[in-house]
């Protein structure tokens, strides 16, 4: 359990809000994951329409039920990313407790966003490689996620 998750759990126990803290933690993890994807989309300094569309489709398919909910989450995540600007901090919010499959899917989604405009730019590539390392993947795992096989990626 990450330090942030432990602090939330402690506060929830102290104030009798156990169920609320769990829900807030899950929402924070989801927002941090989307913020990481936004961070990747912005890495080359250009948020191309293709990247915006890919990001919306991925968020709608994984984190939101509707397009409008996805767009609202992306807007919140973009503000969160602008405020944080540190991938390591965002990965910490996701926590060490996130499963291998969740991390592998997030890494594959990051590669998908990076290549949405038809080219993975140097900055995007470096950023996704760093993200893979922060998530605990080795070189082979990062390459497998890039090839579109996130479940075969090894931590």
N, C-alpha and C. Protein backbone atom coordinates (compact mmCIF):
# COMPACT_ATOMS: atom_id res chain seq x y z
N UNK A 1 0.85 -1.17 0.00
CA UNK A 1 0.00 0.00 0.00
C UNK A 1 0.90 1.23 0.00
N UNK A 2 0.58 2.20 -0.85
CA UNK A 2 1.39 3.41 -0.94
C UNK A 2 1.19 4.26 0.32
N UNK A 3 2.12 5.18 0.53
CA UNK A 3 2.03 6.08 1.67
C UNK A 3 0.73 6.88 1.63
N UNK A 4 0.37 7.36 0.47
CA UNK A 4 -0.86 8.14 0.33
C UNK A 4 -2.07 7.28 0.70
N UNK A 5 -2.09 6.06 0.22
CA UNK A 5 -3.22 5.17 0.54
C UNK A 5 -3.28 4.88 2.03
N UNK A 6 -2.12 4.70 2.67
CA UNK A 6 -2.10 4.46 4.11
C UNK A 6 -2.61 5.67 4.88
N UNK A 7 -2.22 6.87 4.45
CA UNK A 7 -2.70 8.09 5.11
C UNK A 7 -4.21 8.25 4.94
N UNK A 8 -4.71 7.95 3.75
CA UNK A 8 -6.16 8.02 3.53
C UNK A 8 -6.88 7.02 4.42
N UNK A 9 -6.35 5.81 4.51
CA UNK A 9 -6.98 4.78 5.34
C UNK A 9 -6.98 5.20 6.81
N UNK A 10 -5.86 5.76 7.26
CA UNK A 10 -5.77 6.23 8.65
C UNK A 10 -6.80 7.31 8.91
N UNK A 11 -6.89 8.31 8.00
CA UNK A 11 -7.85 9.40 8.16
C UNK A 11 -9.28 8.86 8.14
N UNK A 12 -9.55 7.91 7.27
CA UNK A 12 -10.89 7.34 7.18
C UNK A 12 -11.26 6.62 8.47
N UNK A 13 -10.31 5.87 9.03
CA UNK A 13 -10.57 5.19 10.31
C UNK A 13 -10.79 6.20 11.43
N UNK A 14 -9.97 7.24 11.45
CA UNK A 14 -10.05 8.24 12.52
C UNK A 14 -11.37 9.00 12.49
N UNK A 15 -11.90 9.23 11.29
CA UNK A 15 -13.12 10.02 11.17
C UNK A 15 -14.35 9.18 10.81
N UNK A 16 -14.20 7.85 10.83
CA UNK A 16 -15.33 6.98 10.56
C UNK A 16 -15.84 7.03 9.14
N UNK A 17 -14.93 7.23 8.18
CA UNK A 17 -15.32 7.35 6.78
C UNK A 17 -14.73 6.24 5.93
N UNK A 18 -14.67 5.06 6.41
CA UNK A 18 -13.97 3.96 5.75
C UNK A 18 -14.38 3.77 4.29
N UNK A 19 -15.63 3.64 3.97
CA UNK A 19 -16.07 3.42 2.59
C UNK A 19 -15.76 4.60 1.69
N UNK A 20 -15.87 5.80 2.21
CA UNK A 20 -15.60 7.00 1.43
C UNK A 20 -14.15 7.07 1.02
N UNK A 21 -13.23 6.75 1.90
CA UNK A 21 -11.79 6.82 1.58
C UNK A 21 -11.45 5.85 0.46
N UNK A 22 -12.04 4.67 0.47
CA UNK A 22 -11.76 3.71 -0.59
C UNK A 22 -12.24 4.25 -1.93
N UNK A 23 -13.43 4.84 -1.97
CA UNK A 23 -13.97 5.39 -3.21
C UNK A 23 -13.12 6.56 -3.69
N UNK A 24 -12.70 7.42 -2.77
CA UNK A 24 -11.85 8.55 -3.14
C UNK A 24 -10.52 8.05 -3.68
N UNK A 25 -9.94 7.04 -3.05
CA UNK A 25 -8.67 6.49 -3.52
C UNK A 25 -8.77 5.93 -4.93
N UNK A 26 -9.85 5.22 -5.22
CA UNK A 26 -10.05 4.68 -6.56
C UNK A 26 -10.21 5.81 -7.58
N UNK A 27 -10.94 6.85 -7.22
CA UNK A 27 -11.13 7.98 -8.13
C UNK A 27 -9.81 8.68 -8.38
N UNK A 28 -8.99 8.84 -7.33
CA UNK A 28 -7.68 9.47 -7.47
C UNK A 28 -6.78 8.64 -8.38
N UNK A 29 -6.81 7.33 -8.23
CA UNK A 29 -6.00 6.45 -9.07
C UNK A 29 -6.42 6.57 -10.52
N UNK A 30 -7.70 6.61 -10.76
CA UNK A 30 -8.23 6.73 -12.12
C UNK A 30 -7.82 8.07 -12.72
N UNK A 31 -7.94 9.14 -11.95
CA UNK A 31 -7.57 10.47 -12.43
C UNK A 31 -6.06 10.54 -12.71
N UNK A 32 -5.26 9.93 -11.85
CA UNK A 32 -3.80 9.92 -12.06
C UNK A 32 -3.44 9.15 -13.33
N UNK A 33 -4.11 8.03 -13.58
CA UNK A 33 -3.85 7.25 -14.79
C UNK A 33 -4.19 8.06 -16.04
N UNK A 34 -5.32 8.74 -16.02
CA UNK A 34 -5.70 9.57 -17.17
C UNK A 34 -4.74 10.74 -17.31
N UNK A 35 -4.30 11.32 -16.20
CA UNK A 35 -3.33 12.42 -16.25
C UNK A 35 -2.02 11.96 -16.88
N UNK A 36 -1.62 10.73 -16.62
CA UNK A 36 -0.41 10.20 -17.27
C UNK A 36 -0.60 10.12 -18.78
N UNK A 37 -1.77 9.71 -19.21
CA UNK A 37 -2.05 9.64 -20.65
C UNK A 37 -2.07 11.04 -21.27
N UNK A 38 -2.63 12.00 -20.57
CA UNK A 38 -2.63 13.39 -21.04
C UNK A 38 -1.19 13.89 -21.14
N UNK A 39 -0.39 13.56 -20.15
CA UNK A 39 1.02 13.96 -20.12
C UNK A 39 1.75 13.43 -21.36
N UNK A 40 1.49 12.20 -21.70
CA UNK A 40 2.10 11.60 -22.89
C UNK A 40 1.60 12.31 -24.16
N UNK A 41 0.31 12.58 -24.22
CA UNK A 41 -0.26 13.23 -25.40
C UNK A 41 0.35 14.61 -25.62
N UNK A 42 0.72 15.28 -24.55
CA UNK A 42 1.29 16.63 -24.64
C UNK A 42 2.81 16.63 -24.76
N UNK A 43 3.44 15.50 -24.75
CA UNK A 43 4.90 15.42 -24.66
C UNK A 43 5.64 16.13 -25.78
N UNK A 44 5.12 16.07 -26.98
CA UNK A 44 5.82 16.70 -28.10
C UNK A 44 5.43 18.17 -28.28
N UNK A 45 4.63 18.68 -27.36
CA UNK A 45 4.23 20.08 -27.41
C UNK A 45 3.02 20.34 -28.28
N UNK A 46 2.54 19.32 -28.96
CA UNK A 46 1.39 19.45 -29.86
C UNK A 46 0.34 18.42 -29.47
N UNK A 47 -0.84 18.89 -29.15
CA UNK A 47 -1.94 17.97 -28.87
C UNK A 47 -2.76 17.86 -30.14
N UNK A 48 -2.36 16.92 -31.00
CA UNK A 48 -2.99 16.73 -32.30
C UNK A 48 -4.43 16.23 -32.13
N UNK A 49 -5.29 16.55 -33.08
CA UNK A 49 -6.67 16.07 -33.01
C UNK A 49 -6.75 14.54 -32.91
N UNK A 50 -5.84 13.86 -33.57
CA UNK A 50 -5.83 12.38 -33.50
C UNK A 50 -5.52 11.91 -32.07
N UNK A 51 -4.63 12.61 -31.41
CA UNK A 51 -4.29 12.25 -30.02
C UNK A 51 -5.48 12.52 -29.10
N UNK A 52 -6.15 13.63 -29.31
CA UNK A 52 -7.32 13.97 -28.51
C UNK A 52 -8.40 12.91 -28.69
N UNK A 53 -8.63 12.51 -29.93
CA UNK A 53 -9.65 11.49 -30.22
C UNK A 53 -9.26 10.14 -29.62
N UNK A 54 -8.02 9.73 -29.79
CA UNK A 54 -7.57 8.45 -29.23
C UNK A 54 -7.70 8.46 -27.71
N UNK A 55 -7.29 9.54 -27.09
CA UNK A 55 -7.38 9.68 -25.64
C UNK A 55 -8.83 9.56 -25.18
N UNK A 56 -9.73 10.24 -25.87
CA UNK A 56 -11.16 10.18 -25.51
C UNK A 56 -11.70 8.76 -25.65
N UNK A 57 -11.33 8.08 -26.74
CA UNK A 57 -11.81 6.70 -26.95
C UNK A 57 -11.28 5.76 -25.87
N UNK A 58 -10.00 5.90 -25.53
CA UNK A 58 -9.40 5.03 -24.51
C UNK A 58 -10.03 5.27 -23.14
N UNK A 59 -10.22 6.52 -22.79
CA UNK A 59 -10.81 6.85 -21.50
C UNK A 59 -12.26 6.38 -21.45
N UNK A 60 -12.99 6.57 -22.55
CA UNK A 60 -14.37 6.11 -22.59
C UNK A 60 -14.44 4.59 -22.47
N UNK A 61 -13.53 3.90 -23.10
CA UNK A 61 -13.56 2.44 -23.05
C UNK A 61 -13.11 1.85 -21.73
N UNK A 62 -12.27 2.57 -21.00
CA UNK A 62 -11.66 1.98 -19.80
C UNK A 62 -12.11 2.63 -18.49
N UNK A 63 -12.34 3.95 -18.50
CA UNK A 63 -12.58 4.68 -17.26
C UNK A 63 -13.94 5.36 -17.18
N UNK A 64 -14.63 5.51 -18.29
CA UNK A 64 -15.89 6.25 -18.31
C UNK A 64 -16.93 5.49 -19.12
N UNK A 65 -18.20 5.74 -18.80
CA UNK A 65 -19.28 5.05 -19.49
C UNK A 65 -19.72 5.77 -20.76
N UNK A 66 -19.54 7.08 -20.80
CA UNK A 66 -20.00 7.86 -21.96
C UNK A 66 -18.88 8.79 -22.44
N UNK A 67 -19.05 9.32 -23.64
CA UNK A 67 -18.07 10.26 -24.19
C UNK A 67 -18.02 11.53 -23.35
N UNK A 68 -19.18 12.02 -22.95
CA UNK A 68 -19.19 13.26 -22.16
C UNK A 68 -18.50 13.06 -20.81
N UNK A 69 -18.70 11.91 -20.19
CA UNK A 69 -18.01 11.60 -18.93
C UNK A 69 -16.50 11.50 -19.18
N UNK A 70 -16.12 10.89 -20.30
CA UNK A 70 -14.70 10.78 -20.65
C UNK A 70 -14.08 12.16 -20.84
N UNK A 71 -14.77 13.03 -21.55
CA UNK A 71 -14.25 14.38 -21.79
C UNK A 71 -14.11 15.17 -20.50
N UNK A 72 -15.06 14.98 -19.58
CA UNK A 72 -14.98 15.66 -18.29
C UNK A 72 -13.79 15.14 -17.48
N UNK A 73 -13.60 13.82 -17.51
CA UNK A 73 -12.44 13.23 -16.81
C UNK A 73 -11.13 13.72 -17.41
N UNK A 74 -11.07 13.81 -18.73
CA UNK A 74 -9.85 14.27 -19.39
C UNK A 74 -9.56 15.72 -19.00
N UNK A 75 -10.59 16.55 -18.94
CA UNK A 75 -10.40 17.95 -18.53
C UNK A 75 -9.86 18.02 -17.10
N UNK A 76 -10.44 17.24 -16.19
CA UNK A 76 -9.94 17.22 -14.81
C UNK A 76 -8.52 16.68 -14.75
N UNK A 77 -8.25 15.65 -15.53
CA UNK A 77 -6.91 15.05 -15.53
C UNK A 77 -5.89 16.01 -16.13
N UNK A 78 -6.28 16.78 -17.14
CA UNK A 78 -5.37 17.75 -17.73
C UNK A 78 -4.99 18.82 -16.71
N UNK A 79 -5.96 19.27 -15.93
CA UNK A 79 -5.67 20.24 -14.87
C UNK A 79 -4.78 19.61 -13.80
N UNK A 80 -5.05 18.37 -13.46
CA UNK A 80 -4.24 17.64 -12.47
C UNK A 80 -2.81 17.47 -12.98
N UNK A 81 -2.66 17.12 -14.25
CA UNK A 81 -1.34 16.97 -14.85
C UNK A 81 -0.59 18.29 -14.85
N UNK A 82 -1.27 19.38 -15.20
CA UNK A 82 -0.64 20.70 -15.23
C UNK A 82 -0.19 21.11 -13.83
N UNK A 83 -0.95 20.71 -12.84
CA UNK A 83 -0.62 21.04 -11.46
C UNK A 83 0.53 20.18 -10.95
N UNK A 84 0.58 18.92 -11.35
CA UNK A 84 1.57 17.98 -10.85
C UNK A 84 2.86 18.04 -11.65
N UNK A 85 2.76 17.85 -12.96
CA UNK A 85 3.89 17.87 -13.90
C UNK A 85 5.02 16.91 -13.54
N UNK A 86 4.73 15.91 -12.74
CA UNK A 86 5.75 14.94 -12.36
C UNK A 86 5.16 13.55 -12.49
N UNK A 87 5.67 12.80 -13.46
CA UNK A 87 5.14 11.45 -13.69
C UNK A 87 5.32 10.55 -12.48
N UNK A 88 6.43 10.69 -11.78
CA UNK A 88 6.67 9.82 -10.62
C UNK A 88 5.59 10.03 -9.56
N UNK A 89 5.17 11.27 -9.36
CA UNK A 89 4.11 11.55 -8.39
C UNK A 89 2.79 10.94 -8.84
N UNK A 90 2.51 11.01 -10.13
CA UNK A 90 1.27 10.42 -10.65
C UNK A 90 1.30 8.90 -10.51
N UNK A 91 2.44 8.29 -10.79
CA UNK A 91 2.57 6.84 -10.63
C UNK A 91 2.41 6.46 -9.16
N UNK A 92 2.91 7.28 -8.25
CA UNK A 92 2.76 7.01 -6.82
C UNK A 92 1.29 7.01 -6.41
N UNK A 93 0.50 7.90 -6.99
CA UNK A 93 -0.93 7.93 -6.68
C UNK A 93 -1.60 6.63 -7.13
N UNK A 94 -1.17 6.12 -8.28
CA UNK A 94 -1.71 4.84 -8.75
C UNK A 94 -1.38 3.75 -7.75
N UNK A 95 -0.20 3.86 -7.17
CA UNK A 95 0.17 2.97 -6.08
C UNK A 95 0.86 1.71 -6.52
N UNK A 96 1.56 1.16 -5.58
CA UNK A 96 2.30 -0.08 -5.82
C UNK A 96 1.36 -1.28 -5.78
N UNK A 97 0.15 -1.06 -5.28
CA UNK A 97 -0.81 -2.14 -5.16
C UNK A 97 -1.54 -2.44 -6.47
N UNK A 98 -1.44 -1.54 -7.44
CA UNK A 98 -2.08 -1.79 -8.73
C UNK A 98 -1.48 -3.06 -9.32
N UNK A 99 -2.31 -3.87 -9.88
CA UNK A 99 -1.86 -5.14 -10.41
C UNK A 99 -1.06 -5.01 -11.69
N UNK A 100 -0.33 -6.06 -12.01
CA UNK A 100 0.48 -6.10 -13.22
C UNK A 100 -0.37 -5.82 -14.46
N UNK A 101 -1.53 -6.43 -14.52
CA UNK A 101 -2.40 -6.26 -15.69
C UNK A 101 -2.83 -4.81 -15.85
N UNK A 102 -3.18 -4.15 -14.75
CA UNK A 102 -3.59 -2.74 -14.82
C UNK A 102 -2.44 -1.88 -15.32
N UNK A 103 -1.25 -2.11 -14.79
CA UNK A 103 -0.09 -1.33 -15.19
C UNK A 103 0.27 -1.59 -16.65
N UNK A 104 0.18 -2.84 -17.07
CA UNK A 104 0.51 -3.18 -18.46
C UNK A 104 -0.48 -2.54 -19.42
N UNK A 105 -1.74 -2.52 -19.06
CA UNK A 105 -2.75 -1.88 -19.92
C UNK A 105 -2.53 -0.37 -19.98
N UNK A 106 -2.18 0.23 -18.87
CA UNK A 106 -1.90 1.66 -18.86
C UNK A 106 -0.70 1.97 -19.75
N UNK A 107 0.33 1.16 -19.69
CA UNK A 107 1.51 1.36 -20.52
C UNK A 107 1.16 1.20 -22.00
N UNK A 108 0.37 0.20 -22.34
CA UNK A 108 -0.06 0.01 -23.73
C UNK A 108 -0.92 1.20 -24.19
N UNK A 109 -1.75 1.72 -23.31
CA UNK A 109 -2.56 2.88 -23.65
C UNK A 109 -1.66 4.09 -23.90
N UNK A 110 -0.61 4.24 -23.10
CA UNK A 110 0.33 5.35 -23.29
C UNK A 110 1.00 5.27 -24.66
N UNK A 111 1.43 4.06 -25.05
CA UNK A 111 2.01 3.89 -26.39
C UNK A 111 0.98 4.24 -27.46
N UNK A 112 -0.27 3.84 -27.25
CA UNK A 112 -1.32 4.11 -28.22
C UNK A 112 -1.55 5.61 -28.39
N UNK A 113 -1.56 6.33 -27.29
CA UNK A 113 -1.74 7.79 -27.35
C UNK A 113 -0.53 8.43 -28.03
N UNK A 114 0.66 7.97 -27.69
CA UNK A 114 1.88 8.55 -28.28
C UNK A 114 1.90 8.38 -29.80
N UNK A 115 1.38 7.30 -30.30
CA UNK A 115 1.40 7.04 -31.74
C UNK A 115 0.13 7.38 -32.47
N UNK A 116 -0.79 8.04 -31.81
CA UNK A 116 -2.10 8.32 -32.41
C UNK A 116 -2.01 9.20 -33.65
N UNK A 117 -1.01 10.07 -33.71
CA UNK A 117 -0.89 10.96 -34.87
C UNK A 117 -0.04 10.35 -35.98
N UNK A 118 0.24 9.05 -35.86
CA UNK A 118 0.99 8.35 -36.90
C UNK A 118 2.48 8.29 -36.68
N UNK A 119 2.97 8.97 -35.65
CA UNK A 119 4.40 9.00 -35.37
C UNK A 119 4.62 9.12 -33.87
N UNK A 120 5.52 8.32 -33.35
CA UNK A 120 5.92 8.46 -31.95
C UNK A 120 7.16 9.35 -31.95
N UNK A 121 6.97 10.58 -31.50
CA UNK A 121 8.07 11.53 -31.49
C UNK A 121 9.08 11.19 -30.40
N UNK A 122 10.26 11.70 -30.55
CA UNK A 122 11.37 11.42 -29.62
C UNK A 122 10.98 11.69 -28.16
N UNK A 123 10.34 12.82 -27.91
CA UNK A 123 9.95 13.16 -26.54
C UNK A 123 8.90 12.19 -26.01
N UNK A 124 7.95 11.84 -26.87
CA UNK A 124 6.92 10.89 -26.46
C UNK A 124 7.53 9.53 -26.15
N UNK A 125 8.43 9.08 -27.00
CA UNK A 125 9.06 7.79 -26.78
C UNK A 125 9.83 7.76 -25.47
N UNK A 126 10.62 8.79 -25.23
CA UNK A 126 11.39 8.86 -23.98
C UNK A 126 10.47 8.88 -22.77
N UNK A 127 9.37 9.59 -22.89
CA UNK A 127 8.43 9.69 -21.79
C UNK A 127 7.75 8.35 -21.49
N UNK A 128 7.35 7.65 -22.54
CA UNK A 128 6.68 6.36 -22.32
C UNK A 128 7.68 5.33 -21.79
N UNK A 129 8.91 5.37 -22.25
CA UNK A 129 9.93 4.48 -21.69
C UNK A 129 10.12 4.76 -20.20
N UNK A 130 10.16 6.03 -19.84
CA UNK A 130 10.31 6.39 -18.42
C UNK A 130 9.11 5.91 -17.63
N UNK A 131 7.92 6.09 -18.18
CA UNK A 131 6.70 5.61 -17.53
C UNK A 131 6.78 4.10 -17.30
N UNK A 132 7.21 3.37 -18.33
CA UNK A 132 7.34 1.92 -18.18
C UNK A 132 8.28 1.56 -17.04
N UNK A 133 9.40 2.26 -16.94
CA UNK A 133 10.34 2.02 -15.84
C UNK A 133 9.72 2.34 -14.50
N UNK A 134 9.00 3.46 -14.41
CA UNK A 134 8.35 3.83 -13.14
C UNK A 134 7.28 2.82 -12.74
N UNK A 135 6.65 2.22 -13.73
CA UNK A 135 5.63 1.21 -13.44
C UNK A 135 6.25 -0.15 -13.10
N UNK A 136 7.57 -0.26 -13.27
CA UNK A 136 8.27 -1.48 -12.88
C UNK A 136 8.53 -2.46 -14.00
N UNK A 137 8.43 -2.03 -15.25
CA UNK A 137 8.65 -2.93 -16.37
C UNK A 137 10.09 -2.88 -16.83
N UNK A 138 10.58 -4.03 -17.29
CA UNK A 138 11.91 -4.09 -17.89
C UNK A 138 11.79 -3.74 -19.37
N UNK A 139 12.92 -3.72 -20.05
CA UNK A 139 12.94 -3.34 -21.46
C UNK A 139 12.04 -4.23 -22.31
N UNK A 140 12.10 -5.53 -22.08
CA UNK A 140 11.27 -6.46 -22.85
C UNK A 140 9.78 -6.19 -22.61
N UNK A 141 9.41 -5.92 -21.37
CA UNK A 141 8.02 -5.63 -21.05
C UNK A 141 7.52 -4.37 -21.71
N UNK A 142 8.38 -3.35 -21.74
CA UNK A 142 8.01 -2.08 -22.38
C UNK A 142 7.82 -2.29 -23.88
N UNK A 143 8.70 -3.08 -24.49
CA UNK A 143 8.58 -3.35 -25.92
C UNK A 143 7.33 -4.17 -26.24
N UNK A 144 6.99 -5.12 -25.37
CA UNK A 144 5.77 -5.91 -25.59
C UNK A 144 4.53 -5.03 -25.50
N UNK A 145 4.52 -4.11 -24.54
CA UNK A 145 3.38 -3.19 -24.43
C UNK A 145 3.31 -2.30 -25.67
N UNK A 146 4.47 -1.88 -26.19
CA UNK A 146 4.49 -1.04 -27.40
C UNK A 146 3.94 -1.81 -28.60
N UNK A 147 4.22 -3.12 -28.64
CA UNK A 147 3.76 -3.94 -29.75
C UNK A 147 2.26 -4.25 -29.64
N UNK A 148 1.64 -3.80 -28.55
CA UNK A 148 0.21 -4.00 -28.41
C UNK A 148 -0.18 -5.25 -27.66
N UNK A 149 0.77 -5.84 -26.95
CA UNK A 149 0.48 -7.05 -26.19
C UNK A 149 0.76 -6.78 -24.71
N UNK A 150 -0.08 -5.94 -24.07
CA UNK A 150 0.21 -5.52 -22.70
C UNK A 150 0.20 -6.65 -21.69
N UNK A 151 -0.59 -7.70 -21.93
CA UNK A 151 -0.67 -8.77 -20.94
C UNK A 151 0.56 -9.66 -20.97
N UNK A 152 1.35 -9.57 -22.05
CA UNK A 152 2.58 -10.35 -22.10
C UNK A 152 3.75 -9.56 -21.51
N UNK A 153 3.54 -8.26 -21.27
CA UNK A 153 4.61 -7.42 -20.73
C UNK A 153 5.00 -7.92 -19.35
N UNK A 154 6.29 -7.95 -19.14
CA UNK A 154 6.81 -8.45 -17.86
C UNK A 154 7.24 -7.28 -16.97
N UNK A 155 6.91 -7.37 -15.69
CA UNK A 155 7.38 -6.34 -14.76
C UNK A 155 8.87 -6.52 -14.48
